[in-house]
């Protein structure tokens, strides 16, 4: 992806804003006991944060699976981010796919609640890494 520095910084900022906006939607869905929707929002909050990191570093994934592979290859396997984050991101995608596409699968409150804290940590770590790389 060939972007000017200004455009790159704008896209990174917009992706991080989207990550936070999406994360805020989790609470609304929790209050309504909409666990599938909340699981979807947890996944996409992390997805947007990871996309911000990719844009910041000049990487691009064309599909969700590609995003997980790039994340693992460039950030988890290199030790820039904890191994748990790689597993968590993969598990979130599986949860989202089950809840979005399998009418027999029911996401539970526990599924969502357990993922929120780690999602927040991953987003914060990504923001820290972006800040570190841009200073």
N, C-alpha and C. Protein backbone atom coordinates (compact mmCIF):
# COMPACT_ATOMS: atom_id res chain seq x y z
N UNK A 1 0.85 -1.16 0.00
CA UNK A 1 0.00 0.00 0.00
C UNK A 1 0.90 1.23 0.00
N UNK A 2 0.75 2.07 -1.00
CA UNK A 2 1.58 3.26 -1.12
C UNK A 2 0.78 4.48 -0.66
N UNK A 3 1.13 5.00 0.50
CA UNK A 3 0.44 6.13 1.08
C UNK A 3 1.43 7.22 1.45
N UNK A 4 0.97 8.44 1.41
CA UNK A 4 1.79 9.52 1.95
C UNK A 4 1.83 9.33 3.46
N UNK A 5 2.79 9.94 4.10
CA UNK A 5 2.90 9.83 5.56
C UNK A 5 1.64 10.39 6.23
N UNK A 6 1.14 11.48 5.71
CA UNK A 6 -0.07 12.08 6.28
C UNK A 6 -1.28 11.15 6.13
N UNK A 7 -1.43 10.54 4.95
CA UNK A 7 -2.54 9.61 4.73
C UNK A 7 -2.42 8.38 5.61
N UNK A 8 -1.19 7.89 5.76
CA UNK A 8 -0.96 6.73 6.61
C UNK A 8 -1.36 7.03 8.04
N UNK A 9 -0.92 8.17 8.55
CA UNK A 9 -1.25 8.55 9.93
C UNK A 9 -2.76 8.73 10.12
N UNK A 10 -3.41 9.28 9.09
CA UNK A 10 -4.86 9.46 9.16
C UNK A 10 -5.56 8.12 9.21
N UNK A 11 -5.15 7.18 8.36
CA UNK A 11 -5.78 5.85 8.36
C UNK A 11 -5.54 5.12 9.67
N UNK A 12 -4.35 5.23 10.22
CA UNK A 12 -4.05 4.60 11.51
C UNK A 12 -4.98 5.18 12.57
N UNK A 13 -5.10 6.49 12.61
CA UNK A 13 -5.98 7.15 13.59
C UNK A 13 -7.43 6.70 13.42
N UNK A 14 -7.90 6.65 12.18
CA UNK A 14 -9.29 6.25 11.92
C UNK A 14 -9.55 4.79 12.32
N UNK A 15 -8.59 3.91 12.04
CA UNK A 15 -8.76 2.51 12.45
C UNK A 15 -8.80 2.38 13.97
N UNK A 16 -7.95 3.14 14.67
CA UNK A 16 -7.96 3.08 16.13
C UNK A 16 -9.25 3.66 16.69
N UNK A 17 -9.75 4.73 16.08
CA UNK A 17 -11.03 5.28 16.50
C UNK A 17 -12.14 4.24 16.31
N UNK A 18 -12.10 3.55 15.17
CA UNK A 18 -13.10 2.51 14.89
C UNK A 18 -12.98 1.38 15.92
N UNK A 19 -11.76 1.02 16.29
CA UNK A 19 -11.56 -0.01 17.30
C UNK A 19 -12.22 0.39 18.61
N UNK A 20 -12.02 1.64 19.03
CA UNK A 20 -12.60 2.11 20.29
C UNK A 20 -14.12 2.24 20.21
N UNK A 21 -14.61 2.75 19.11
CA UNK A 21 -16.06 2.86 18.92
C UNK A 21 -16.73 1.49 18.97
N UNK A 22 -16.12 0.54 18.28
CA UNK A 22 -16.64 -0.82 18.25
C UNK A 22 -16.58 -1.44 19.65
N UNK A 23 -15.51 -1.17 20.38
CA UNK A 23 -15.38 -1.70 21.74
C UNK A 23 -16.48 -1.13 22.63
N UNK A 24 -16.81 0.13 22.47
CA UNK A 24 -17.87 0.75 23.27
C UNK A 24 -19.23 0.10 23.01
N UNK A 25 -19.44 -0.40 21.81
CA UNK A 25 -20.70 -1.05 21.48
C UNK A 25 -20.92 -2.35 22.27
N UNK A 26 -19.84 -2.94 22.74
CA UNK A 26 -19.94 -4.18 23.52
C UNK A 26 -20.81 -3.97 24.75
N UNK A 27 -20.60 -2.87 25.45
CA UNK A 27 -21.35 -2.60 26.67
C UNK A 27 -22.85 -2.48 26.38
N UNK A 28 -23.21 -1.83 25.30
CA UNK A 28 -24.60 -1.68 24.91
C UNK A 28 -25.22 -3.06 24.67
N UNK A 29 -24.51 -3.90 23.96
CA UNK A 29 -25.00 -5.24 23.65
C UNK A 29 -25.06 -6.12 24.90
N UNK A 30 -24.11 -5.94 25.80
CA UNK A 30 -24.12 -6.69 27.07
C UNK A 30 -25.38 -6.36 27.86
N UNK A 31 -25.69 -5.08 27.95
CA UNK A 31 -26.86 -4.65 28.72
C UNK A 31 -28.15 -5.25 28.16
N UNK A 32 -28.16 -5.50 26.85
CA UNK A 32 -29.33 -6.08 26.20
C UNK A 32 -29.25 -7.61 26.12
N UNK A 33 -28.21 -8.19 26.72
CA UNK A 33 -27.97 -9.65 26.67
C UNK A 33 -27.91 -10.17 25.25
N UNK A 34 -27.31 -9.41 24.37
CA UNK A 34 -27.12 -9.80 22.97
C UNK A 34 -25.69 -10.31 22.82
N UNK A 35 -25.49 -11.56 23.21
CA UNK A 35 -24.14 -12.11 23.33
C UNK A 35 -23.48 -12.36 21.98
N UNK A 36 -24.24 -12.77 20.99
CA UNK A 36 -23.64 -12.97 19.66
C UNK A 36 -23.15 -11.64 19.10
N UNK A 37 -23.97 -10.62 19.22
CA UNK A 37 -23.57 -9.29 18.75
C UNK A 37 -22.37 -8.76 19.51
N UNK A 38 -22.35 -9.00 20.82
CA UNK A 38 -21.21 -8.56 21.63
C UNK A 38 -19.93 -9.28 21.23
N UNK A 39 -20.03 -10.58 20.95
CA UNK A 39 -18.85 -11.34 20.50
C UNK A 39 -18.35 -10.79 19.17
N UNK A 40 -19.26 -10.44 18.28
CA UNK A 40 -18.90 -9.85 17.00
C UNK A 40 -18.14 -8.54 17.22
N UNK A 41 -18.63 -7.72 18.14
CA UNK A 41 -18.01 -6.42 18.40
C UNK A 41 -16.64 -6.58 19.05
N UNK A 42 -16.48 -7.57 19.94
CA UNK A 42 -15.17 -7.82 20.54
C UNK A 42 -14.17 -8.15 19.43
N UNK A 43 -14.56 -9.05 18.54
CA UNK A 43 -13.66 -9.43 17.45
C UNK A 43 -13.30 -8.21 16.60
N UNK A 44 -14.30 -7.46 16.18
CA UNK A 44 -14.02 -6.35 15.27
C UNK A 44 -13.27 -5.20 15.94
N UNK A 45 -13.41 -5.04 17.24
CA UNK A 45 -12.61 -4.02 17.91
C UNK A 45 -11.12 -4.37 17.81
N UNK A 46 -10.82 -5.64 18.00
CA UNK A 46 -9.43 -6.10 17.88
C UNK A 46 -8.99 -6.04 16.42
N UNK A 47 -9.84 -6.46 15.51
CA UNK A 47 -9.53 -6.45 14.08
C UNK A 47 -9.13 -5.05 13.62
N UNK A 48 -9.88 -4.04 14.04
CA UNK A 48 -9.55 -2.67 13.62
C UNK A 48 -8.24 -2.18 14.24
N UNK A 49 -7.98 -2.55 15.47
CA UNK A 49 -6.70 -2.18 16.09
C UNK A 49 -5.54 -2.83 15.35
N UNK A 50 -5.68 -4.11 15.02
CA UNK A 50 -4.63 -4.83 14.28
C UNK A 50 -4.44 -4.19 12.89
N UNK A 51 -5.53 -3.82 12.24
CA UNK A 51 -5.41 -3.14 10.94
C UNK A 51 -4.65 -1.84 11.07
N UNK A 52 -4.88 -1.10 12.15
CA UNK A 52 -4.13 0.14 12.38
C UNK A 52 -2.63 -0.16 12.45
N UNK A 53 -2.28 -1.22 13.14
CA UNK A 53 -0.88 -1.62 13.26
C UNK A 53 -0.30 -1.98 11.89
N UNK A 54 -1.05 -2.73 11.12
CA UNK A 54 -0.59 -3.09 9.77
C UNK A 54 -0.36 -1.85 8.91
N UNK A 55 -1.31 -0.95 8.91
CA UNK A 55 -1.18 0.28 8.11
C UNK A 55 0.03 1.06 8.58
N UNK A 56 0.20 1.16 9.88
CA UNK A 56 1.34 1.88 10.43
C UNK A 56 2.66 1.30 9.93
N UNK A 57 2.70 -0.03 9.80
CA UNK A 57 3.94 -0.70 9.43
C UNK A 57 4.02 -1.08 7.95
N UNK A 58 3.08 -0.61 7.15
CA UNK A 58 3.12 -0.86 5.71
C UNK A 58 2.73 -2.27 5.30
N UNK A 59 1.95 -2.94 6.12
CA UNK A 59 1.48 -4.30 5.81
C UNK A 59 0.02 -4.24 5.39
N UNK A 60 -0.41 -5.27 4.66
CA UNK A 60 -1.80 -5.33 4.23
C UNK A 60 -2.25 -6.78 4.13
N UNK A 61 -3.40 -7.05 4.72
CA UNK A 61 -4.00 -8.38 4.63
C UNK A 61 -5.28 -8.26 3.81
N UNK A 62 -5.48 -9.21 2.91
CA UNK A 62 -6.65 -9.14 2.05
C UNK A 62 -7.86 -9.86 2.64
N UNK A 63 -7.62 -10.73 3.63
CA UNK A 63 -8.72 -11.48 4.23
C UNK A 63 -8.48 -11.60 5.73
N UNK A 64 -9.50 -12.03 6.45
CA UNK A 64 -9.37 -12.16 7.90
C UNK A 64 -8.29 -13.19 8.26
N UNK A 65 -8.26 -14.32 7.57
CA UNK A 65 -7.23 -15.33 7.85
C UNK A 65 -5.83 -14.76 7.61
N UNK A 66 -5.72 -13.95 6.56
CA UNK A 66 -4.44 -13.30 6.27
C UNK A 66 -4.03 -12.35 7.37
N UNK A 67 -5.01 -11.68 7.94
CA UNK A 67 -4.74 -10.77 9.05
C UNK A 67 -4.14 -11.53 10.23
N UNK A 68 -4.70 -12.69 10.52
CA UNK A 68 -4.20 -13.50 11.63
C UNK A 68 -2.78 -14.00 11.35
N UNK A 69 -2.55 -14.39 10.11
CA UNK A 69 -1.21 -14.89 9.75
C UNK A 69 -0.17 -13.78 9.85
N UNK A 70 -0.49 -12.60 9.32
CA UNK A 70 0.45 -11.47 9.40
C UNK A 70 0.70 -11.06 10.85
N UNK A 71 -0.36 -11.02 11.63
CA UNK A 71 -0.24 -10.65 13.03
C UNK A 71 0.71 -11.60 13.75
N UNK A 72 0.50 -12.88 13.53
CA UNK A 72 1.36 -13.88 14.15
C UNK A 72 2.80 -13.76 13.67
N UNK A 73 2.97 -13.68 12.37
CA UNK A 73 4.31 -13.65 11.78
C UNK A 73 5.12 -12.41 12.19
N UNK A 74 4.51 -11.25 12.16
CA UNK A 74 5.25 -10.00 12.36
C UNK A 74 5.28 -9.49 13.80
N UNK A 75 4.34 -9.94 14.62
CA UNK A 75 4.25 -9.36 15.96
C UNK A 75 4.32 -10.38 17.09
N UNK A 76 3.73 -11.56 16.90
CA UNK A 76 3.72 -12.56 17.96
C UNK A 76 4.99 -13.40 17.92
N UNK A 77 5.29 -13.97 16.76
CA UNK A 77 6.48 -14.83 16.65
C UNK A 77 7.78 -14.06 16.85
N UNK A 78 7.74 -12.75 16.60
CA UNK A 78 8.93 -11.92 16.81
C UNK A 78 9.08 -11.47 18.25
N UNK A 79 8.06 -11.73 19.08
CA UNK A 79 8.12 -11.35 20.48
C UNK A 79 7.70 -9.92 20.76
N UNK A 80 7.24 -9.20 19.74
CA UNK A 80 6.79 -7.82 19.96
C UNK A 80 5.50 -7.79 20.79
N UNK A 81 4.69 -8.82 20.62
CA UNK A 81 3.46 -8.96 21.39
C UNK A 81 3.39 -10.38 21.94
N UNK A 82 2.73 -10.56 23.07
CA UNK A 82 2.69 -11.89 23.71
C UNK A 82 2.01 -12.96 22.87
N UNK A 83 2.47 -14.17 23.04
CA UNK A 83 1.91 -15.33 22.36
C UNK A 83 0.41 -15.46 22.62
N UNK A 84 -0.01 -15.13 23.84
CA UNK A 84 -1.43 -15.21 24.19
C UNK A 84 -2.29 -14.35 23.27
N UNK A 85 -1.76 -13.23 22.80
CA UNK A 85 -2.53 -12.37 21.91
C UNK A 85 -2.79 -13.04 20.56
N UNK A 86 -1.84 -13.79 20.07
CA UNK A 86 -2.02 -14.50 18.81
C UNK A 86 -3.11 -15.55 18.93
N UNK A 87 -3.05 -16.34 19.99
CA UNK A 87 -4.08 -17.36 20.22
C UNK A 87 -5.45 -16.72 20.43
N UNK A 88 -5.46 -15.65 21.20
CA UNK A 88 -6.72 -14.96 21.50
C UNK A 88 -7.36 -14.42 20.22
N UNK A 89 -6.58 -13.78 19.37
CA UNK A 89 -7.11 -13.23 18.12
C UNK A 89 -7.71 -14.34 17.26
N UNK A 90 -7.02 -15.47 17.17
CA UNK A 90 -7.56 -16.62 16.42
C UNK A 90 -8.85 -17.15 17.05
N UNK A 91 -8.86 -17.26 18.37
CA UNK A 91 -10.05 -17.76 19.06
C UNK A 91 -11.23 -16.81 18.90
N UNK A 92 -10.95 -15.51 18.90
CA UNK A 92 -12.02 -14.54 18.69
C UNK A 92 -12.66 -14.70 17.31
N UNK A 93 -11.82 -14.94 16.31
CA UNK A 93 -12.37 -15.12 14.97
C UNK A 93 -13.26 -16.37 14.93
N UNK A 94 -12.83 -17.43 15.56
CA UNK A 94 -13.63 -18.65 15.59
C UNK A 94 -14.96 -18.40 16.29
N UNK A 95 -14.92 -17.71 17.41
CA UNK A 95 -16.15 -17.38 18.13
C UNK A 95 -17.08 -16.53 17.27
N UNK A 96 -16.52 -15.52 16.61
CA UNK A 96 -17.34 -14.65 15.77
C UNK A 96 -17.96 -15.43 14.61
N UNK A 97 -17.17 -16.28 13.97
CA UNK A 97 -17.71 -17.06 12.85
C UNK A 97 -18.83 -18.00 13.31
N UNK A 98 -18.62 -18.66 14.45
CA UNK A 98 -19.67 -19.54 14.97
C UNK A 98 -20.94 -18.75 15.26
N UNK A 99 -20.77 -17.61 15.92
CA UNK A 99 -21.95 -16.84 16.32
C UNK A 99 -22.62 -16.17 15.13
N UNK A 100 -21.86 -15.78 14.13
CA UNK A 100 -22.44 -15.10 12.96
C UNK A 100 -23.06 -16.07 11.96
N UNK A 101 -22.49 -17.27 11.81
CA UNK A 101 -22.88 -18.14 10.72
C UNK A 101 -23.53 -19.47 11.11
N UNK A 102 -23.51 -19.81 12.39
CA UNK A 102 -24.06 -21.08 12.83
C UNK A 102 -25.28 -20.82 13.72
N UNK A 103 -26.46 -21.06 13.17
CA UNK A 103 -27.68 -20.75 13.93
C UNK A 103 -27.87 -21.67 15.13
N UNK A 104 -27.13 -22.76 15.21
CA UNK A 104 -27.24 -23.66 16.35
C UNK A 104 -26.30 -23.28 17.49
N UNK A 105 -25.32 -22.45 17.18
CA UNK A 105 -24.34 -22.07 18.20
C UNK A 105 -24.84 -20.86 18.98
N UNK A 106 -24.80 -20.95 20.29
CA UNK A 106 -25.23 -19.85 21.15
C UNK A 106 -24.03 -19.33 21.94
N UNK A 107 -23.70 -18.09 21.71
CA UNK A 107 -22.65 -17.45 22.48
C UNK A 107 -23.20 -17.18 23.88
N UNK A 108 -22.38 -17.44 24.88
CA UNK A 108 -22.82 -17.22 26.26
C UNK A 108 -22.25 -15.91 26.81
N UNK A 109 -22.85 -15.48 27.87
CA UNK A 109 -22.34 -14.30 28.57
C UNK A 109 -20.88 -14.53 28.97
N UNK A 110 -20.59 -15.73 29.45
CA UNK A 110 -19.23 -16.05 29.87
C UNK A 110 -18.24 -15.92 28.71
N UNK A 111 -18.63 -16.38 27.51
CA UNK A 111 -17.76 -16.25 26.34
C UNK A 111 -17.35 -14.80 26.12
N UNK A 112 -18.32 -13.92 26.23
CA UNK A 112 -18.08 -12.50 25.96
C UNK A 112 -17.28 -11.86 27.09
N UNK A 113 -17.73 -12.07 28.32
CA UNK A 113 -17.09 -11.43 29.46
C UNK A 113 -15.62 -11.82 29.56
N UNK A 114 -15.32 -13.09 29.31
CA UNK A 114 -13.93 -13.55 29.37
C UNK A 114 -13.05 -12.91 28.31
N UNK A 115 -13.64 -12.50 27.21
CA UNK A 115 -12.84 -11.95 26.11
C UNK A 115 -12.62 -10.44 26.21
N UNK A 116 -13.44 -9.74 26.95
CA UNK A 116 -13.38 -8.28 26.97
C UNK A 116 -12.06 -7.76 27.53
N UNK A 117 -11.63 -8.29 28.66
CA UNK A 117 -10.39 -7.80 29.28
C UNK A 117 -9.18 -8.01 28.39
N UNK A 118 -9.07 -9.18 27.80
CA UNK A 118 -7.93 -9.46 26.93
C UNK A 118 -8.00 -8.61 25.66
N UNK A 119 -9.20 -8.38 25.16
CA UNK A 119 -9.35 -7.51 23.98
C UNK A 119 -8.85 -6.11 24.31
N UNK A 120 -9.21 -5.60 25.47
CA UNK A 120 -8.75 -4.27 25.89
C UNK A 120 -7.23 -4.25 25.99
N UNK A 121 -6.65 -5.29 26.58
CA UNK A 121 -5.19 -5.36 26.71
C UNK A 121 -4.51 -5.39 25.34
N UNK A 122 -5.07 -6.17 24.41
CA UNK A 122 -4.48 -6.27 23.08
C UNK A 122 -4.54 -4.93 22.37
N UNK A 123 -5.67 -4.25 22.45
CA UNK A 123 -5.82 -2.94 21.80
C UNK A 123 -4.83 -1.95 22.40
N UNK A 124 -4.70 -1.94 23.71
CA UNK A 124 -3.74 -1.04 24.37
C UNK A 124 -2.31 -1.36 23.97
N UNK A 125 -1.98 -2.63 23.86
CA UNK A 125 -0.63 -3.04 23.45
C UNK A 125 -0.35 -2.60 22.01
N UNK A 126 -1.33 -2.74 21.14
CA UNK A 126 -1.18 -2.31 19.75
C UNK A 126 -0.96 -0.80 19.69
N UNK A 127 -1.76 -0.06 20.46
CA UNK A 127 -1.58 1.40 20.48
C UNK A 127 -0.20 1.78 21.00
N UNK A 128 0.26 1.07 22.02
CA UNK A 128 1.60 1.34 22.54
C UNK A 128 2.68 1.06 21.52
N UNK A 129 2.54 -0.02 20.79
CA UNK A 129 3.51 -0.38 19.76
C UNK A 129 3.52 0.65 18.64
N UNK A 130 2.35 1.11 18.23
CA UNK A 130 2.27 2.14 17.20
C UNK A 130 2.95 3.42 17.69
N UNK A 131 2.64 3.82 18.91
CA UNK A 131 3.23 5.03 19.47
C UNK A 131 4.74 4.92 19.53
N UNK A 132 5.22 3.77 20.00
CA UNK A 132 6.66 3.51 20.12
C UNK A 132 7.34 3.61 18.74
N UNK A 133 6.72 3.04 17.73
CA UNK A 133 7.31 3.01 16.39
C UNK A 133 7.27 4.38 15.73
N UNK A 134 6.40 5.27 16.19
CA UNK A 134 6.28 6.57 15.55
C UNK A 134 6.98 7.68 16.33
N UNK A 135 7.65 7.32 17.43
CA UNK A 135 8.33 8.36 18.21
C UNK A 135 9.80 8.45 17.86
